[in-house]
All heavy atoms as atom14 arrays in JSON, in Angstrom:
{
  "sequence": "GRDYSMKPYDWLRLDAVGATALYEGEADGADLCALGWARSRGILVR",
  "atom14_mask": [
    [1, 1, 1, 1, 0, 0, 0, 0, 0, 0, 0, 0, 0, 0],
    [1, 1, 1, 1, 1, 1, 1, 1, 1, 1, 1, 0, 0, 0],
    [1, 1, 1, 1, 1, 1, 1, 1, 0, 0, 0, 0, 0, 0],
    [1, 1, 1, 1, 1, 1, 1, 1, 1, 1, 1, 1, 0, 0],
    [1, 1, 1, 1, 1, 1, 0, 0, 0, 0, 0, 0, 0, 0],
    [1, 1, 1, 1, 1, 1, 1, 1, 0, 0, 0, 0, 0, 0],
    [1, 1, 1, 1, 1, 1, 1, 1, 1, 0, 0, 0, 0, 0],
    [1, 1, 1, 1, 1, 1, 1, 0, 0, 0, 0, 0, 0, 0],
    [1, 1, 1, 1, 1, 1, 1, 1, 1, 1, 1, 1, 0, 0],
    [1, 1, 1, 1, 1, 1, 1, 1, 0, 0, 0, 0, 0, 0],
    [1, 1, 1, 1, 1, 1, 1, 1, 1, 1, 1, 1, 1, 1],
    [1, 1, 1, 1, 1, 1, 1, 1, 0, 0, 0, 0, 0, 0],
    [1, 1, 1, 1, 1, 1, 1, 1, 1, 1, 1, 0, 0, 0],
    [1, 1, 1, 1, 1, 1, 1, 1, 0, 0, 0, 0, 0, 0],
    [1, 1, 1, 1, 1, 1, 1, 1, 0, 0, 0, 0, 0, 0],
    [1, 1, 1, 1, 1, 0, 0, 0, 0, 0, 0, 0, 0, 0],
    [1, 1, 1, 1, 1, 1, 1, 0, 0, 0, 0, 0, 0, 0],
    [1, 1, 1, 1, 0, 0, 0, 0, 0, 0, 0, 0, 0, 0],
    [1, 1, 1, 1, 1, 0, 0, 0, 0, 0, 0, 0, 0, 0],
    [1, 1, 1, 1, 1, 1, 1, 0, 0, 0, 0, 0, 0, 0],
    [1, 1, 1, 1, 1, 0, 0, 0, 0, 0, 0, 0, 0, 0],
    [1, 1, 1, 1, 1, 1, 1, 1, 0, 0, 0, 0, 0, 0],
    [1, 1, 1, 1, 1, 1, 1, 1, 1, 1, 1, 1, 0, 0],
    [1, 1, 1, 1, 1, 1, 1, 1, 1, 0, 0, 0, 0, 0],
    [1, 1, 1, 1, 0, 0, 0, 0, 0, 0, 0, 0, 0, 0],
    [1, 1, 1, 1, 1, 1, 1, 1, 1, 0, 0, 0, 0, 0],
    [1, 1, 1, 1, 1, 0, 0, 0, 0, 0, 0, 0, 0, 0],
    [1, 1, 1, 1, 1, 1, 1, 1, 0, 0, 0, 0, 0, 0],
    [1, 1, 1, 1, 0, 0, 0, 0, 0, 0, 0, 0, 0, 0],
    [1, 1, 1, 1, 1, 0, 0, 0, 0, 0, 0, 0, 0, 0],
    [1, 1, 1, 1, 1, 1, 1, 1, 0, 0, 0, 0, 0, 0],
    [1, 1, 1, 1, 1, 1, 1, 1, 0, 0, 0, 0, 0, 0],
    [1, 1, 1, 1, 1, 1, 0, 0, 0, 0, 0, 0, 0, 0],
    [1, 1, 1, 1, 1, 0, 0, 0, 0, 0, 0, 0, 0, 0],
    [1, 1, 1, 1, 1, 1, 1, 1, 0, 0, 0, 0, 0, 0],
    [1, 1, 1, 1, 0, 0, 0, 0, 0, 0, 0, 0, 0, 0],
    [1, 1, 1, 1, 1, 1, 1, 1, 1, 1, 1, 1, 1, 1],
    [1, 1, 1, 1, 1, 0, 0, 0, 0, 0, 0, 0, 0, 0],
    [1, 1, 1, 1, 1, 1, 1, 1, 1, 1, 1, 0, 0, 0],
    [1, 1, 1, 1, 1, 1, 0, 0, 0, 0, 0, 0, 0, 0],
    [1, 1, 1, 1, 1, 1, 1, 1, 1, 1, 1, 0, 0, 0],
    [1, 1, 1, 1, 0, 0, 0, 0, 0, 0, 0, 0, 0, 0],
    [1, 1, 1, 1, 1, 1, 1, 1, 0, 0, 0, 0, 0, 0],
    [1, 1, 1, 1, 1, 1, 1, 1, 0, 0, 0, 0, 0, 0],
    [1, 1, 1, 1, 1, 1, 1, 0, 0, 0, 0, 0, 0, 0],
    [1, 1, 1, 1, 1, 1, 1, 1, 1, 1, 1, 0, 0, 0]
  ],
  "atom14_positions": [
    [[-7.7, -2.59, 16.7], [-8.56, -3.71, 16.76], [-9.38, -3.92, 15.49], [-9.68, -2.95, 14.75], [0.0, 0.0, 0.0], [0.0, 0.0, 0.0], [0.0, 0.0, 0.0], [0.0, 0.0, 0.0], [0.0, 0.0, 0.0], [0.0, 0.0, 0.0], [0.0, 0.0, 0.0], [0.0, 0.0, 0.0], [0.0, 0.0, 0.0], [0.0, 0.0, 0.0]],
    [[-9.82, -5.12, 15.27], [-10.62, -5.46, 14.11], [-12.08, -4.99, 14.19], [-12.76, -4.96, 13.23], [-10.58, -6.93, 13.84], [-9.16, -7.45, 13.39], [-9.15, -8.95, 13.14], [-7.82, -9.34, 12.75], [-7.36, -9.42, 11.53], [-8.11, -9.11, 10.52], [-6.06, -9.84, 11.34], [0.0, 0.0, 0.0], [0.0, 0.0, 0.0], [0.0, 0.0, 0.0]],
    [[-12.42, -4.64, 15.46], [-13.83, -4.1, 15.64], [-13.89, -2.61, 15.71], [-14.94, -2.07, 15.98], [-14.34, -4.73, 16.96], [-14.55, -6.19, 16.95], [-14.87, -6.78, 15.86], [-14.36, -6.89, 17.9], [0.0, 0.0, 0.0], [0.0, 0.0, 0.0], [0.0, 0.0, 0.0], [0.0, 0.0, 0.0], [0.0, 0.0, 0.0], [0.0, 0.0, 0.0]],
    [[-12.76, -1.96, 15.49], [-12.67, -0.49, 15.64], [-13.44, 0.18, 14.45], [-13.32, -0.25, 13.34], [-11.2, -0.04, 15.67], [-11.14, 1.47, 15.94], [-11.28, 2.0, 17.22], [-10.91, 2.36, 14.88], [-11.23, 3.41, 17.41], [-10.81, 3.71, 15.09], [-11.02, 4.18, 16.36], [-10.95, 5.52, 16.58], [0.0, 0.0, 0.0], [0.0, 0.0, 0.0]],
    [[-14.09, 1.18, 14.75], [-14.77, 2.02, 13.74], [-14.43, 3.47, 13.99], [-14.65, 4.0, 15.12], [-16.28, 1.83, 13.84], [-16.99, 2.61, 12.95], [0.0, 0.0, 0.0], [0.0, 0.0, 0.0], [0.0, 0.0, 0.0], [0.0, 0.0, 0.0], [0.0, 0.0, 0.0], [0.0, 0.0, 0.0], [0.0, 0.0, 0.0], [0.0, 0.0, 0.0]],
    [[-13.95, 4.16, 12.96], [-13.54, 5.59, 13.14], [-14.78, 6.47, 13.28], [-15.79, 6.26, 12.67], [-12.65, 6.01, 11.92], [-11.29, 5.48, 11.98], [-10.43, 6.1, 10.5], [-9.12, 6.94, 11.32], [0.0, 0.0, 0.0], [0.0, 0.0, 0.0], [0.0, 0.0, 0.0], [0.0, 0.0, 0.0], [0.0, 0.0, 0.0], [0.0, 0.0, 0.0]],
    [[-14.59, 7.51, 14.03], [-15.52, 8.56, 14.18], [-15.06, 9.74, 13.4], [-13.93, 9.87, 13.07], [-15.73, 8.93, 15.68], [-15.93, 7.71, 16.58], [-17.32, 7.13, 16.35], [-17.64, 6.03, 17.34], [-17.24, 4.72, 16.94], [0.0, 0.0, 0.0], [0.0, 0.0, 0.0], [0.0, 0.0, 0.0], [0.0, 0.0, 0.0], [0.0, 0.0, 0.0]],
    [[-15.92, 10.72, 13.11], [-15.51, 11.9, 12.34], [-14.31, 12.63, 13.02], [-13.42, 13.12, 12.26], [-16.74, 12.77, 12.29], [-17.9, 11.8, 12.45], [-17.4, 10.69, 13.31], [0.0, 0.0, 0.0], [0.0, 0.0, 0.0], [0.0, 0.0, 0.0], [0.0, 0.0, 0.0], [0.0, 0.0, 0.0], [0.0, 0.0, 0.0], [0.0, 0.0, 0.0]],
    [[-14.28, 12.66, 14.25], [-13.12, 13.42, 14.92], [-11.83, 12.67, 14.79], [-10.78, 13.23, 14.78], [-13.39, 13.68, 16.4], [-13.69, 12.47, 17.25], [-12.73, 11.66, 17.77], [-15.02, 12.14, 17.62], [-12.98, 10.53, 18.52], [-15.3, 11.03, 18.4], [-14.31, 10.2, 18.83], [-14.58, 9.07, 19.58], [0.0, 0.0, 0.0], [0.0, 0.0, 0.0]],
    [[-11.88, 11.36, 14.52], [-10.65, 10.64, 14.23], [-10.07, 11.04, 12.88], [-8.85, 11.19, 12.77], [-10.9, 9.08, 14.14], [-11.26, 8.5, 15.44], [-10.71, 8.89, 16.5], [-12.13, 7.59, 15.42], [0.0, 0.0, 0.0], [0.0, 0.0, 0.0], [0.0, 0.0, 0.0], [0.0, 0.0, 0.0], [0.0, 0.0, 0.0], [0.0, 0.0, 0.0]],
    [[-10.85, 11.32, 11.93], [-10.42, 11.82, 10.65], [-9.79, 13.22, 10.8], [-8.75, 13.54, 10.23], [-11.56, 11.9, 9.61], [-11.95, 10.58, 9.03], [-12.22, 9.46, 9.71], [-12.09, 10.21, 7.72], [-12.52, 8.38, 8.91], [-12.51, 8.88, 7.63], [-11.92, 10.91, 6.53], [-12.67, 8.21, 6.41], [-12.15, 10.26, 5.3], [-12.56, 8.93, 5.21]],
    [[-10.41, 14.0, 11.66], [-9.88, 15.39, 11.87], [-8.49, 15.33, 12.55], [-7.58, 16.06, 12.23], [-10.84, 16.18, 12.75], [-12.19, 16.51, 12.09], [-13.08, 17.22, 13.05], [-11.93, 17.42, 10.83], [0.0, 0.0, 0.0], [0.0, 0.0, 0.0], [0.0, 0.0, 0.0], [0.0, 0.0, 0.0], [0.0, 0.0, 0.0], [0.0, 0.0, 0.0]],
    [[-8.35, 14.42, 13.51], [-7.06, 14.22, 14.17], [-6.03, 13.71, 13.18], [-4.91, 14.23, 13.26], [-7.19, 13.21, 15.36], [-8.0, 13.77, 16.5], [-8.09, 12.78, 17.57], [-8.81, 13.33, 18.71], [-9.52, 12.65, 19.6], [-9.58, 11.33, 19.48], [-10.16, 13.24, 20.55], [0.0, 0.0, 0.0], [0.0, 0.0, 0.0], [0.0, 0.0, 0.0]],
    [[-6.36, 12.8, 12.33], [-5.37, 12.33, 11.37], [-5.05, 13.46, 10.37], [-3.87, 13.58, 10.02], [-5.96, 11.09, 10.59], [-6.0, 9.79, 11.41], [-6.77, 8.72, 10.65], [-4.53, 9.32, 11.67], [0.0, 0.0, 0.0], [0.0, 0.0, 0.0], [0.0, 0.0, 0.0], [0.0, 0.0, 0.0], [0.0, 0.0, 0.0], [0.0, 0.0, 0.0]],
    [[-6.04, 14.23, 10.0], [-5.71, 15.35, 9.1], [-4.72, 16.28, 9.74], [-3.86, 16.86, 9.11], [-7.04, 16.16, 8.83], [-7.94, 15.41, 7.86], [-7.46, 14.5, 7.16], [-9.14, 15.77, 7.8], [0.0, 0.0, 0.0], [0.0, 0.0, 0.0], [0.0, 0.0, 0.0], [0.0, 0.0, 0.0], [0.0, 0.0, 0.0], [0.0, 0.0, 0.0]],
    [[-4.87, 16.55, 11.03], [-4.01, 17.43, 11.78], [-2.56, 17.01, 11.88], [-1.61, 17.82, 12.07], [-4.54, 17.74, 13.18], [0.0, 0.0, 0.0], [0.0, 0.0, 0.0], [0.0, 0.0, 0.0], [0.0, 0.0, 0.0], [0.0, 0.0, 0.0], [0.0, 0.0, 0.0], [0.0, 0.0, 0.0], [0.0, 0.0, 0.0], [0.0, 0.0, 0.0]],
    [[-2.33, 15.73, 11.77], [-0.97, 15.16, 11.85], [-0.1, 15.57, 10.66], [1.15, 15.69, 10.78], [-1.04, 13.57, 11.97], [0.29, 12.97, 11.78], [-1.68, 13.19, 13.29], [0.0, 0.0, 0.0], [0.0, 0.0, 0.0], [0.0, 0.0, 0.0], [0.0, 0.0, 0.0], [0.0, 0.0, 0.0], [0.0, 0.0, 0.0], [0.0, 0.0, 0.0]],
    [[-0.68, 15.75, 9.54], [0.1, 16.07, 8.34], [0.84, 14.86, 7.75], [1.97, 14.9, 7.4], [0.0, 0.0, 0.0], [0.0, 0.0, 0.0], [0.0, 0.0, 0.0], [0.0, 0.0, 0.0], [0.0, 0.0, 0.0], [0.0, 0.0, 0.0], [0.0, 0.0, 0.0], [0.0, 0.0, 0.0], [0.0, 0.0, 0.0], [0.0, 0.0, 0.0]],
    [[0.14, 13.75, 7.7], [0.71, 12.46, 7.27], [1.1, 12.55, 5.79], [0.35, 13.15, 4.94], [-0.28, 11.31, 7.51], [0.0, 0.0, 0.0], [0.0, 0.0, 0.0], [0.0, 0.0, 0.0], [0.0, 0.0, 0.0], [0.0, 0.0, 0.0], [0.0, 0.0, 0.0], [0.0, 0.0, 0.0], [0.0, 0.0, 0.0], [0.0, 0.0, 0.0]],
    [[2.19, 11.94, 5.42], [2.63, 11.72, 4.05], [2.46, 10.36, 3.56], [2.5, 10.03, 2.39], [4.09, 12.18, 3.9], [4.89, 11.4, 4.73], [4.24, 13.64, 4.14], [0.0, 0.0, 0.0], [0.0, 0.0, 0.0], [0.0, 0.0, 0.0], [0.0, 0.0, 0.0], [0.0, 0.0, 0.0], [0.0, 0.0, 0.0], [0.0, 0.0, 0.0]],
    [[2.28, 9.37, 4.54], [2.14, 7.99, 4.2], [1.44, 7.24, 5.38], [1.46, 7.67, 6.52], [3.49, 7.34, 3.99], [0.0, 0.0, 0.0], [0.0, 0.0, 0.0], [0.0, 0.0, 0.0], [0.0, 0.0, 0.0], [0.0, 0.0, 0.0], [0.0, 0.0, 0.0], [0.0, 0.0, 0.0], [0.0, 0.0, 0.0], [0.0, 0.0, 0.0]],
    [[0.76, 6.14, 4.94], [0.04, 5.3, 5.94], [0.56, 3.87, 5.74], [0.58, 3.39, 4.63], [-1.48, 5.33, 5.7], [-2.25, 4.25, 6.53], [-2.29, 4.63, 7.96], [-3.62, 4.01, 5.94], [0.0, 0.0, 0.0], [0.0, 0.0, 0.0], [0.0, 0.0, 0.0], [0.0, 0.0, 0.0], [0.0, 0.0, 0.0], [0.0, 0.0, 0.0]],
    [[1.04, 3.24, 6.72], [1.41, 1.85, 6.78], [0.3, 1.12, 7.48], [-0.08, 1.47, 8.62], [2.73, 1.62, 7.49], [3.93, 2.18, 6.78], [3.88, 3.0, 5.72], [5.22, 1.85, 7.24], [5.0, 3.47, 5.03], [6.33, 2.37, 6.68], [6.28, 3.15, 5.52], [7.38, 3.61, 4.99], [0.0, 0.0, 0.0], [0.0, 0.0, 0.0]],
    [[-0.29, 0.15, 6.85], [-1.42, -0.56, 7.41], [-1.36, -2.05, 7.04], [-0.75, -2.46, 6.12], [-2.72, 0.06, 6.92], [-2.92, 0.14, 5.43], [-3.53, -1.12, 4.81], [-4.2, -1.85, 5.49], [-3.3, -1.3, 3.59], [0.0, 0.0, 0.0], [0.0, 0.0, 0.0], [0.0, 0.0, 0.0], [0.0, 0.0, 0.0], [0.0, 0.0, 0.0]],
    [[-2.09, -2.85, 7.83], [-2.03, -4.26, 7.75], [-3.04, -4.97, 6.95], [-3.14, -6.23, 6.97], [0.0, 0.0, 0.0], [0.0, 0.0, 0.0], [0.0, 0.0, 0.0], [0.0, 0.0, 0.0], [0.0, 0.0, 0.0], [0.0, 0.0, 0.0], [0.0, 0.0, 0.0], [0.0, 0.0, 0.0], [0.0, 0.0, 0.0], [0.0, 0.0, 0.0]],
    [[-3.84, -4.23, 6.22], [-4.95, -4.88, 5.4], [-5.89, -5.71, 6.23], [-6.36, -6.75, 5.77], [-4.33, -5.61, 4.23], [-3.59, -4.73, 3.26], [-3.28, -5.44, 1.92], [-3.01, -6.64, 1.92], [-3.39, -4.72, 0.9], [0.0, 0.0, 0.0], [0.0, 0.0, 0.0], [0.0, 0.0, 0.0], [0.0, 0.0, 0.0], [0.0, 0.0, 0.0]],
    [[-6.17, -5.27, 7.44], [-7.15, -6.04, 8.26], [-8.43, -5.23, 8.4], [-8.43, -4.0, 8.22], [-6.54, -6.26, 9.64], [0.0, 0.0, 0.0], [0.0, 0.0, 0.0], [0.0, 0.0, 0.0], [0.0, 0.0, 0.0], [0.0, 0.0, 0.0], [0.0, 0.0, 0.0], [0.0, 0.0, 0.0], [0.0, 0.0, 0.0], [0.0, 0.0, 0.0]],
    [[-9.47, -5.86, 8.85], [-10.69, -5.14, 9.14], [-10.48, -4.21, 10.31], [-9.54, -4.3, 11.01], [-11.77, -6.14, 9.49], [-12.23, -6.97, 8.3], [-12.08, -6.58, 7.16], [-12.73, -8.14, 8.54], [0.0, 0.0, 0.0], [0.0, 0.0, 0.0], [0.0, 0.0, 0.0], [0.0, 0.0, 0.0], [0.0, 0.0, 0.0], [0.0, 0.0, 0.0]],
    [[-11.44, -3.32, 10.56], [-11.33, -2.44, 11.68], [-10.45, -1.26, 11.44], [-10.64, -0.52, 10.51], [0.0, 0.0, 0.0], [0.0, 0.0, 0.0], [0.0, 0.0, 0.0], [0.0, 0.0, 0.0], [0.0, 0.0, 0.0], [0.0, 0.0, 0.0], [0.0, 0.0, 0.0], [0.0, 0.0, 0.0], [0.0, 0.0, 0.0], [0.0, 0.0, 0.0]],
    [[-9.51, -1.03, 12.4], [-8.69, 0.21, 12.39], [-7.94, 0.36, 11.05], [-7.8, 1.43, 10.5], [-7.72, 0.17, 13.52], [0.0, 0.0, 0.0], [0.0, 0.0, 0.0], [0.0, 0.0, 0.0], [0.0, 0.0, 0.0], [0.0, 0.0, 0.0], [0.0, 0.0, 0.0], [0.0, 0.0, 0.0], [0.0, 0.0, 0.0], [0.0, 0.0, 0.0]],
    [[-7.33, -0.74, 10.49], [-6.6, -0.72, 9.3], [-7.48, -0.18, 8.14], [-7.08, 0.65, 7.37], [-5.93, -2.06, 8.93], [-4.98, -2.47, 10.01], [-5.23, -2.44, 11.22], [-3.88, -2.98, 9.6], [0.0, 0.0, 0.0], [0.0, 0.0, 0.0], [0.0, 0.0, 0.0], [0.0, 0.0, 0.0], [0.0, 0.0, 0.0], [0.0, 0.0, 0.0]],
    [[-8.62, -0.88, 7.99], [-9.53, -0.55, 6.87], [-10.07, 0.92, 7.04], [-10.16, 1.59, 6.04], [-10.72, -1.48, 6.91], [-11.63, -1.43, 5.7], [-10.92, -1.64, 4.4], [-12.77, -2.45, 5.84], [0.0, 0.0, 0.0], [0.0, 0.0, 0.0], [0.0, 0.0, 0.0], [0.0, 0.0, 0.0], [0.0, 0.0, 0.0], [0.0, 0.0, 0.0]],
    [[-10.34, 1.37, 8.22], [-10.76, 2.72, 8.46], [-9.69, 3.72, 8.03], [-9.93, 4.74, 7.38], [-11.18, 2.95, 9.94], [-12.65, 2.12, 10.44], [0.0, 0.0, 0.0], [0.0, 0.0, 0.0], [0.0, 0.0, 0.0], [0.0, 0.0, 0.0], [0.0, 0.0, 0.0], [0.0, 0.0, 0.0], [0.0, 0.0, 0.0], [0.0, 0.0, 0.0]],
    [[-8.44, 3.43, 8.49], [-7.36, 4.31, 8.2], [-7.09, 4.36, 6.69], [-6.73, 5.39, 6.07], [-6.09, 3.91, 8.92], [0.0, 0.0, 0.0], [0.0, 0.0, 0.0], [0.0, 0.0, 0.0], [0.0, 0.0, 0.0], [0.0, 0.0, 0.0], [0.0, 0.0, 0.0], [0.0, 0.0, 0.0], [0.0, 0.0, 0.0], [0.0, 0.0, 0.0]],
    [[-7.27, 3.19, 6.03], [-7.07, 3.06, 4.62], [-8.06, 3.99, 3.9], [-7.66, 4.68, 2.94], [-7.26, 1.66, 4.16], [-7.12, 1.39, 2.64], [-5.73, 1.75, 2.12], [-7.39, -0.16, 2.39], [0.0, 0.0, 0.0], [0.0, 0.0, 0.0], [0.0, 0.0, 0.0], [0.0, 0.0, 0.0], [0.0, 0.0, 0.0], [0.0, 0.0, 0.0]],
    [[-9.32, 3.98, 4.24], [-10.27, 4.87, 3.7], [-9.92, 6.34, 3.84], [-10.07, 7.1, 2.9], [0.0, 0.0, 0.0], [0.0, 0.0, 0.0], [0.0, 0.0, 0.0], [0.0, 0.0, 0.0], [0.0, 0.0, 0.0], [0.0, 0.0, 0.0], [0.0, 0.0, 0.0], [0.0, 0.0, 0.0], [0.0, 0.0, 0.0], [0.0, 0.0, 0.0]],
    [[-9.52, 6.67, 5.04], [-9.08, 8.0, 5.22], [-7.93, 8.4, 4.32], [-7.95, 9.45, 3.65], [-8.66, 8.22, 6.74], [-7.91, 9.47, 6.96], [-8.37, 10.75, 7.08], [-6.45, 9.61, 7.07], [-7.34, 11.63, 7.26], [-6.15, 10.94, 7.19], [-5.41, 8.72, 6.99], [-4.86, 11.39, 7.38], [-4.13, 9.16, 7.1], [-3.85, 10.52, 7.34]],
    [[-6.86, 7.58, 4.21], [-5.68, 7.9, 3.42], [-6.05, 8.0, 1.97], [-5.63, 8.97, 1.24], [-4.66, 6.82, 3.66], [0.0, 0.0, 0.0], [0.0, 0.0, 0.0], [0.0, 0.0, 0.0], [0.0, 0.0, 0.0], [0.0, 0.0, 0.0], [0.0, 0.0, 0.0], [0.0, 0.0, 0.0], [0.0, 0.0, 0.0], [0.0, 0.0, 0.0]],
    [[-6.88, 7.1, 1.44], [-7.26, 7.16, 0.03], [-7.99, 8.39, -0.27], [-7.82, 9.01, -1.34], [-8.03, 5.87, -0.32], [-7.16, 4.66, -0.51], [-7.92, 3.5, -1.02], [-7.06, 2.35, -1.26], [-7.49, 1.17, -1.38], [-8.75, 0.88, -1.26], [-6.69, 0.14, -1.56], [0.0, 0.0, 0.0], [0.0, 0.0, 0.0], [0.0, 0.0, 0.0]],
    [[-8.88, 8.79, 0.64], [-9.66, 10.0, 0.41], [-8.84, 11.26, 0.46], [-9.32, 12.32, -0.12], [-10.84, 10.13, 1.47], [-10.3, 10.56, 2.7], [0.0, 0.0, 0.0], [0.0, 0.0, 0.0], [0.0, 0.0, 0.0], [0.0, 0.0, 0.0], [0.0, 0.0, 0.0], [0.0, 0.0, 0.0], [0.0, 0.0, 0.0], [0.0, 0.0, 0.0]],
    [[-7.64, 11.16, 0.99], [-6.8, 12.32, 1.07], [-5.61, 12.25, 0.11], [-4.73, 13.17, 0.04], [-6.19, 12.46, 2.51], [-7.24, 12.58, 3.59], [-8.17, 13.73, 3.4], [-8.88, 14.13, 4.63], [-10.19, 13.82, 4.83], [-10.85, 13.09, 4.01], [-10.74, 14.2, 5.96], [0.0, 0.0, 0.0], [0.0, 0.0, 0.0], [0.0, 0.0, 0.0]],
    [[-5.56, 11.2, -0.72], [-4.47, 11.03, -1.65], [-3.12, 10.71, -1.01], [-2.05, 11.1, -1.56], [0.0, 0.0, 0.0], [0.0, 0.0, 0.0], [0.0, 0.0, 0.0], [0.0, 0.0, 0.0], [0.0, 0.0, 0.0], [0.0, 0.0, 0.0], [0.0, 0.0, 0.0], [0.0, 0.0, 0.0], [0.0, 0.0, 0.0], [0.0, 0.0, 0.0]],
    [[-3.2, 10.14, 0.2], [-1.92, 9.83, 0.95], [-1.41, 8.45, 0.5], [-2.21, 7.52, 0.37], [-2.21, 9.89, 2.46], [-2.56, 11.34, 2.82], [-1.04, 9.36, 3.25], [-3.08, 11.52, 4.22], [0.0, 0.0, 0.0], [0.0, 0.0, 0.0], [0.0, 0.0, 0.0], [0.0, 0.0, 0.0], [0.0, 0.0, 0.0], [0.0, 0.0, 0.0]],
    [[-0.14, 8.36, 0.35], [0.49, 7.09, 0.04], [0.19, 6.03, 1.01], [0.19, 6.27, 2.22], [2.06, 7.3, -0.07], [2.89, 6.03, -0.26], [2.82, 5.54, -1.69], [4.28, 6.25, 0.18], [0.0, 0.0, 0.0], [0.0, 0.0, 0.0], [0.0, 0.0, 0.0], [0.0, 0.0, 0.0], [0.0, 0.0, 0.0], [0.0, 0.0, 0.0]],
    [[-0.2, 4.81, 0.52], [-0.5, 3.68, 1.41], [0.48, 2.57, 1.13], [0.72, 2.22, 0.0], [-1.95, 3.16, 1.18], [-2.19, 1.93, 2.0], [-3.0, 4.31, 1.44], [0.0, 0.0, 0.0], [0.0, 0.0, 0.0], [0.0, 0.0, 0.0], [0.0, 0.0, 0.0], [0.0, 0.0, 0.0], [0.0, 0.0, 0.0], [0.0, 0.0, 0.0]],
    [[1.09, 2.04, 2.21], [1.99, 0.93, 2.11], [1.31, -0.22, 2.92], [1.3, -0.09, 4.16], [3.36, 1.3, 2.61], [4.34, 0.16, 2.43], [5.75, 0.64, 2.6], [6.65, -0.5, 2.59], [7.81, -0.59, 3.14], [8.3, 0.51, 3.73], [8.54, -1.66, 3.02], [0.0, 0.0, 0.0], [0.0, 0.0, 0.0], [0.0, 0.0, 0.0]]
  ]
}
């Protein structure tokens, strides 16, 4: 959702996944939050 806001535990869960890439839709909310997480971790963003 566009109104979604990540909590610190969301970042921990994403860290635990071992992601190598993030595909996101450039929208507010969940996409923007995930983008911030990926950039802070040096993860490829598409």
